[in-house]
């Protein structure tokens, strides 16, 4: 009897599909509909064809801005240990850190900072962010104050709100990885 139980348990585990190695949340080298900017980034970012979304400090974008998109339907990122952001700072960037934020279906936001001051301007870099390092916002804790990674409903890319200097960055892609 125990052998049959062991075999059926193994068969159930073997039939469970593994999660995909990566999930593209946003590919900024293509048109991404319904993205909107806020703060000094409102109307100060543009699509650089086949390159990404470029935040344009020469048009007024500073650290105190961002852009975002609602994800419909929400995505399950619970089986992914990392969120990765590909970006390239541009010459003239004076914002030392950018923020990647995600929001779940009940409005809980969490975020992590990406330090870009050390990277060479114009060179694309993938930053790997551990989902365990995302901190829940005390300002936007949602209904339960806990990030539900099974229902990620929005992404935000933001500057450093304490930096009132030129933001010159190209966002290339945002993805989740196992």
C-alpha atoms as a PDB file:
ATOM      1  CA  UNK A   1       0.000   0.000   0.000  1.00  0.00           C
ATOM      2  CA  UNK A   2       2.761   2.453   0.816  1.00  0.00           C
ATOM      3  CA  UNK A   3       4.467   1.696  -2.501  1.00  0.00           C
ATOM      4  CA  UNK A   4       1.311   2.647  -4.430  1.00  0.00           C
ATOM      5  CA  UNK A   5       1.010   5.871  -2.445  1.00  0.00           C
ATOM      6  CA  UNK A   6       4.653   6.695  -3.142  1.00  0.00           C
ATOM      7  CA  UNK A   7       4.243   6.037  -6.877  1.00  0.00           C
ATOM      8  CA  UNK A   8       1.104   8.160  -7.210  1.00  0.00           C
ATOM      9  CA  UNK A   9       2.717  11.039  -5.297  1.00  0.00           C
ATOM     10  CA  UNK A  10       5.780  10.874  -7.553  1.00  0.00           C
ATOM     11  CA  UNK A  11       3.572  10.813 -10.672  1.00  0.00           C
ATOM     12  CA  UNK A  12       1.671  13.906  -9.486  1.00  0.00           C
ATOM     13  CA  UNK A  13       4.917  15.764  -8.796  1.00  0.00           C
ATOM     14  CA  UNK A  14       6.432  14.758 -12.136  1.00  0.00           C
ATOM     15  CA  UNK A  15       3.403  16.004 -14.077  1.00  0.00           C
ATOM     16  CA  UNK A  16       3.522  19.472 -12.522  1.00  0.00           C
ATOM     17  CA  UNK A  17       4.899  21.836 -15.157  1.00  0.00           C
ATOM     18  CA  UNK A  18       7.952  23.794 -14.069  1.00  0.00           C
ATOM     19  CA  UNK A  19       7.647  27.579 -14.228  1.00  0.00           C
ATOM     20  CA  UNK A  20       9.144  29.248 -17.269  1.00  0.00           C
ATOM     21  CA  UNK A  21      12.758  30.330 -16.762  1.00  0.00           C
ATOM     22  CA  UNK A  22      11.759  33.936 -17.377  1.00  0.00           C
ATOM     23  CA  UNK A  23       8.657  36.059 -17.865  1.00  0.00           C
ATOM     24  CA  UNK A  24       8.904  39.339 -19.750  1.00  0.00           C
ATOM     25  CA  UNK A  25       6.977  41.964 -17.804  1.00  0.00           C
ATOM     26  CA  UNK A  26       7.737  44.789 -20.244  1.00  0.00           C
ATOM     27  CA  UNK A  27       9.867  44.995 -23.379  1.00  0.00           C
ATOM     28  CA  UNK A  28      10.551  48.685 -23.879  1.00  0.00           C
ATOM     29  CA  UNK A  29      12.176  48.165 -27.286  1.00  0.00           C
ATOM     30  CA  UNK A  30       8.637  47.699 -28.647  1.00  0.00           C
ATOM     31  CA  UNK A  31       5.521  49.828 -28.322  1.00  0.00           C
ATOM     32  CA  UNK A  32       4.041  49.355 -24.837  1.00  0.00           C
ATOM     33  CA  UNK A  33       0.482  50.707 -24.784  1.00  0.00           C
ATOM     34  CA  UNK A  34      -1.074  52.587 -21.864  1.00  0.00           C
ATOM     35  CA  UNK A  35       2.168  53.615 -20.172  1.00  0.00           C
ATOM     36  CA  UNK A  36       1.816  56.916 -18.359  1.00  0.00           C
ATOM     37  CA  UNK A  37       4.332  59.220 -16.740  1.00  0.00           C
ATOM     38  CA  UNK A  38       4.077  61.300 -13.597  1.00  0.00           C
ATOM     39  CA  UNK A  39       6.099  63.921 -11.771  1.00  0.00           C
ATOM     40  CA  UNK A  40       8.823  65.483 -13.910  1.00  0.00           C
ATOM     41  CA  UNK A  41       8.790  62.411 -16.202  1.00  0.00           C
ATOM     42  CA  UNK A  42       5.275  63.197 -17.431  1.00  0.00           C
ATOM     43  CA  UNK A  43       5.694  63.860 -21.173  1.00  0.00           C
ATOM     44  CA  UNK A  44       9.506  63.761 -20.733  1.00  0.00           C
ATOM     45  CA  UNK A  45      10.118  60.203 -21.828  1.00  0.00           C
ATOM     46  CA  UNK A  46       9.877  58.804 -25.320  1.00  0.00           C
ATOM     47  CA  UNK A  47      10.313  55.581 -27.195  1.00  0.00           C
ATOM     48  CA  UNK A  48      13.720  55.260 -28.811  1.00  0.00           C
ATOM     49  CA  UNK A  49      12.865  52.846 -31.668  1.00  0.00           C
ATOM     50  CA  UNK A  50      14.331  49.367 -31.102  1.00  0.00           C
ATOM     51  CA  UNK A  51      16.246  50.666 -28.058  1.00  0.00           C
ATOM     52  CA  UNK A  52      13.806  51.340 -25.204  1.00  0.00           C
ATOM     53  CA  UNK A  53      12.072  54.112 -23.291  1.00  0.00           C
ATOM     54  CA  UNK A  54      14.350  57.089 -22.811  1.00  0.00           C
ATOM     55  CA  UNK A  55      13.832  59.460 -19.901  1.00  0.00           C
ATOM     56  CA  UNK A  56      14.924  62.850 -21.184  1.00  0.00           C
ATOM     57  CA  UNK A  57      16.474  65.153 -18.620  1.00  0.00           C
ATOM     58  CA  UNK A  58      17.222  67.717 -21.288  1.00  0.00           C
ATOM     59  CA  UNK A  59      13.445  68.181 -21.554  1.00  0.00           C
ATOM     60  CA  UNK A  60      12.987  68.534 -17.783  1.00  0.00           C
ATOM     61  CA  UNK A  61      12.971  65.000 -16.367  1.00  0.00           C
ATOM     62  CA  UNK A  62      14.646  64.888 -12.985  1.00  0.00           C
ATOM     63  CA  UNK A  63      14.890  62.344 -10.210  1.00  0.00           C
ATOM     64  CA  UNK A  64      11.358  63.136  -9.039  1.00  0.00           C
ATOM     65  CA  UNK A  65       9.345  61.249 -11.620  1.00  0.00           C
ATOM     66  CA  UNK A  66       8.362  57.891 -12.950  1.00  0.00           C
ATOM     67  CA  UNK A  67       6.205  55.966 -15.361  1.00  0.00           C
ATOM     68  CA  UNK A  68       4.051  52.884 -14.948  1.00  0.00           C
ATOM     69  CA  UNK A  69       1.561  50.496 -16.491  1.00  0.00           C
ATOM     70  CA  UNK A  70      -1.272  48.370 -15.205  1.00  0.00           C
ATOM     71  CA  UNK A  71      -0.859  44.685 -16.066  1.00  0.00           C
ATOM     72  CA  UNK A  72      -4.130  43.132 -17.224  1.00  0.00           C
ATOM     73  CA  UNK A  73      -4.646  40.387 -16.366  1.00  0.00           C
ATOM     74  CA  UNK A  74      -2.316  40.309 -13.385  1.00  0.00           C
ATOM     75  CA  UNK A  75       0.672  37.951 -13.587  1.00  0.00           C
ATOM     76  CA  UNK A  76       1.886  35.258 -11.215  1.00  0.00           C
ATOM     77  CA  UNK A  77       5.549  35.890 -10.382  1.00  0.00           C
ATOM     78  CA  UNK A  78       5.556  33.793  -7.208  1.00  0.00           C
ATOM     79  CA  UNK A  79       7.817  31.082  -8.656  1.00  0.00           C
ATOM     80  CA  UNK A  80      10.491  33.568  -9.712  1.00  0.00           C
ATOM     81  CA  UNK A  81      13.273  34.528  -7.327  1.00  0.00           C
ATOM     82  CA  UNK A  82      14.443  37.578  -9.265  1.00  0.00           C
ATOM     83  CA  UNK A  83      13.171  40.657 -11.025  1.00  0.00           C
ATOM     84  CA  UNK A  84      15.628  41.941 -13.622  1.00  0.00           C
ATOM     85  CA  UNK A  85      15.804  45.390 -15.184  1.00  0.00           C
ATOM     86  CA  UNK A  86      17.883  46.207 -18.255  1.00  0.00           C
ATOM     87  CA  UNK A  87      18.864  49.846 -18.572  1.00  0.00           C
ATOM     88  CA  UNK A  88      21.590  52.167 -19.763  1.00  0.00           C
ATOM     89  CA  UNK A  89      22.355  55.518 -18.197  1.00  0.00           C
ATOM     90  CA  UNK A  90      23.035  58.226 -20.741  1.00  0.00           C
ATOM     91  CA  UNK A  91      25.709  60.937 -20.650  1.00  0.00           C
ATOM     92  CA  UNK A  92      24.484  63.698 -18.373  1.00  0.00           C
ATOM     93  CA  UNK A  93      22.587  61.410 -15.980  1.00  0.00           C
ATOM     94  CA  UNK A  94      22.849  62.841 -12.462  1.00  0.00           C
ATOM     95  CA  UNK A  95      20.392  60.514 -10.716  1.00  0.00           C
ATOM     96  CA  UNK A  96      22.417  57.916  -8.764  1.00  0.00           C
ATOM     97  CA  UNK A  97      19.579  55.451  -8.110  1.00  0.00           C
ATOM     98  CA  UNK A  98      16.376  54.359  -9.795  1.00  0.00           C
ATOM     99  CA  UNK A  99      13.497  52.410  -8.269  1.00  0.00           C
ATOM    100  CA  UNK A 100      11.674  49.324  -9.535  1.00  0.00           C
ATOM    101  CA  UNK A 101       8.250  49.009  -7.905  1.00  0.00           C
ATOM    102  CA  UNK A 102       5.529  46.395  -8.289  1.00  0.00           C
ATOM    103  CA  UNK A 103       1.950  46.515  -7.032  1.00  0.00           C
ATOM    104  CA  UNK A 104      -0.372  43.586  -6.387  1.00  0.00           C
ATOM    105  CA  UNK A 105      -4.116  43.341  -7.053  1.00  0.00           C
ATOM    106  CA  UNK A 106      -5.111  44.722  -3.623  1.00  0.00           C
ATOM    107  CA  UNK A 107      -2.871  47.793  -3.963  1.00  0.00           C
ATOM    108  CA  UNK A 108       0.152  46.662  -1.962  1.00  0.00           C
ATOM    109  CA  UNK A 109       3.296  48.209  -3.440  1.00  0.00           C
ATOM    110  CA  UNK A 110       6.835  47.002  -2.935  1.00  0.00           C
ATOM    111  CA  UNK A 111      10.060  48.346  -4.333  1.00  0.00           C
ATOM    112  CA  UNK A 112      13.818  48.073  -4.491  1.00  0.00           C
ATOM    113  CA  UNK A 113      16.457  50.636  -5.457  1.00  0.00           C
ATOM    114  CA  UNK A 114      18.988  50.144  -8.248  1.00  0.00           C
ATOM    115  CA  UNK A 115      22.284  52.008  -7.889  1.00  0.00           C
ATOM    116  CA  UNK A 116      23.455  53.139 -11.341  1.00  0.00           C
ATOM    117  CA  UNK A 117      26.186  55.622 -10.423  1.00  0.00           C
ATOM    118  CA  UNK A 118      28.935  53.093 -11.077  1.00  0.00           C
ATOM    119  CA  UNK A 119      27.962  51.981 -14.589  1.00  0.00           C
ATOM    120  CA  UNK A 120      29.469  53.373 -17.787  1.00  0.00           C
ATOM    121  CA  UNK A 121      27.138  55.708 -19.711  1.00  0.00           C
ATOM    122  CA  UNK A 122      25.677  54.189 -22.858  1.00  0.00           C
ATOM    123  CA  UNK A 123      26.372  50.573 -21.876  1.00  0.00           C
ATOM    124  CA  UNK A 124      23.261  48.426 -21.274  1.00  0.00           C
ATOM    125  CA  UNK A 125      23.318  46.485 -18.004  1.00  0.00           C
ATOM    126  CA  UNK A 126      20.987  43.837 -16.553  1.00  0.00           C
ATOM    127  CA  UNK A 127      20.453  44.314 -12.814  1.00  0.00           C
ATOM    128  CA  UNK A 128      19.235  41.219 -10.933  1.00  0.00           C
ATOM    129  CA  UNK A 129      17.005  42.096  -7.975  1.00  0.00           C
ATOM    130  CA  UNK A 130      16.068  39.417  -5.450  1.00  0.00           C
ATOM    131  CA  UNK A 131      12.311  39.440  -4.791  1.00  0.00           C
ATOM    132  CA  UNK A 132      13.124  38.989  -1.078  1.00  0.00           C
ATOM    133  CA  UNK A 133      14.788  42.436  -1.156  1.00  0.00           C
ATOM    134  CA  UNK A 134      11.618  44.237  -2.282  1.00  0.00           C
ATOM    135  CA  UNK A 135      10.260  46.230   0.666  1.00  0.00           C
ATOM    136  CA  UNK A 136       6.528  46.800   1.124  1.00  0.00           C
ATOM    137  CA  UNK A 137       5.626  50.479   1.018  1.00  0.00           C
ATOM    138  CA  UNK A 138       4.370  52.031   4.233  1.00  0.00           C
ATOM    139  CA  UNK A 139       2.651  54.662   2.081  1.00  0.00           C
ATOM    140  CA  UNK A 140       0.837  52.125  -0.169  1.00  0.00           C
ATOM    141  CA  UNK A 141       0.428  48.975   1.961  1.00  0.00           C
ATOM    142  CA  UNK A 142      -2.778  47.849   0.191  1.00  0.00           C
ATOM    143  CA  UNK A 143      -5.481  46.013   2.098  1.00  0.00           C
ATOM    144  CA  UNK A 144      -3.279  43.470   3.871  1.00  0.00           C
ATOM    145  CA  UNK A 145       0.216  44.995   3.850  1.00  0.00           C
ATOM    146  CA  UNK A 146       1.699  41.901   2.183  1.00  0.00           C
ATOM    147  CA  UNK A 147       2.869  41.615  -1.395  1.00  0.00           C
ATOM    148  CA  UNK A 148       0.943  38.904  -3.244  1.00  0.00           C
ATOM    149  CA  UNK A 149       3.420  37.760  -5.904  1.00  0.00           C
ATOM    150  CA  UNK A 150       0.686  35.593  -7.484  1.00  0.00           C
ATOM    151  CA  UNK A 151      -1.243  38.726  -8.542  1.00  0.00           C
ATOM    152  CA  UNK A 152       1.202  41.393  -9.730  1.00  0.00           C
ATOM    153  CA  UNK A 153      -1.002  44.034 -11.312  1.00  0.00           C
ATOM    154  CA  UNK A 154       1.257  47.038 -12.005  1.00  0.00           C
ATOM    155  CA  UNK A 155       4.886  48.029 -12.491  1.00  0.00           C
ATOM    156  CA  UNK A 156       6.551  51.402 -11.870  1.00  0.00           C
ATOM    157  CA  UNK A 157       9.988  52.665 -12.856  1.00  0.00           C
ATOM    158  CA  UNK A 158      10.939  55.731 -10.850  1.00  0.00           C
ATOM    159  CA  UNK A 159      13.785  58.074 -10.166  1.00  0.00           C
ATOM    160  CA  UNK A 160      15.219  59.131  -6.840  1.00  0.00           C
ATOM    161  CA  UNK A 161      12.695  61.629  -5.502  1.00  0.00           C
ATOM    162  CA  UNK A 162      15.341  63.362  -3.358  1.00  0.00           C
ATOM    163  CA  UNK A 163      17.448  64.172  -6.448  1.00  0.00           C
ATOM    164  CA  UNK A 164      16.357  67.306  -8.321  1.00  0.00           C
ATOM    165  CA  UNK A 165      18.918  66.746 -11.074  1.00  0.00           C
ATOM    166  CA  UNK A 166      18.851  65.537 -14.671  1.00  0.00           C
ATOM    167  CA  UNK A 167      17.539  61.995 -15.262  1.00  0.00           C
ATOM    168  CA  UNK A 168      19.027  60.562 -18.459  1.00  0.00           C
ATOM    169  CA  UNK A 169      18.320  56.850 -18.650  1.00  0.00           C
ATOM    170  CA  UNK A 170      17.176  54.303 -21.217  1.00  0.00           C
ATOM    171  CA  UNK A 171      14.947  51.509 -19.865  1.00  0.00           C
ATOM    172  CA  UNK A 172      15.209  48.420 -22.076  1.00  0.00           C
ATOM    173  CA  UNK A 173      13.275  45.575 -20.416  1.00  0.00           C
ATOM    174  CA  UNK A 174      11.768  44.310 -17.178  1.00  0.00           C
ATOM    175  CA  UNK A 175      11.458  40.583 -16.513  1.00  0.00           C
ATOM    176  CA  UNK A 176      11.107  37.939 -13.805  1.00  0.00           C
ATOM    177  CA  UNK A 177      13.571  35.014 -13.640  1.00  0.00           C
ATOM    178  CA  UNK A 178      13.782  31.781 -11.715  1.00  0.00           C
END
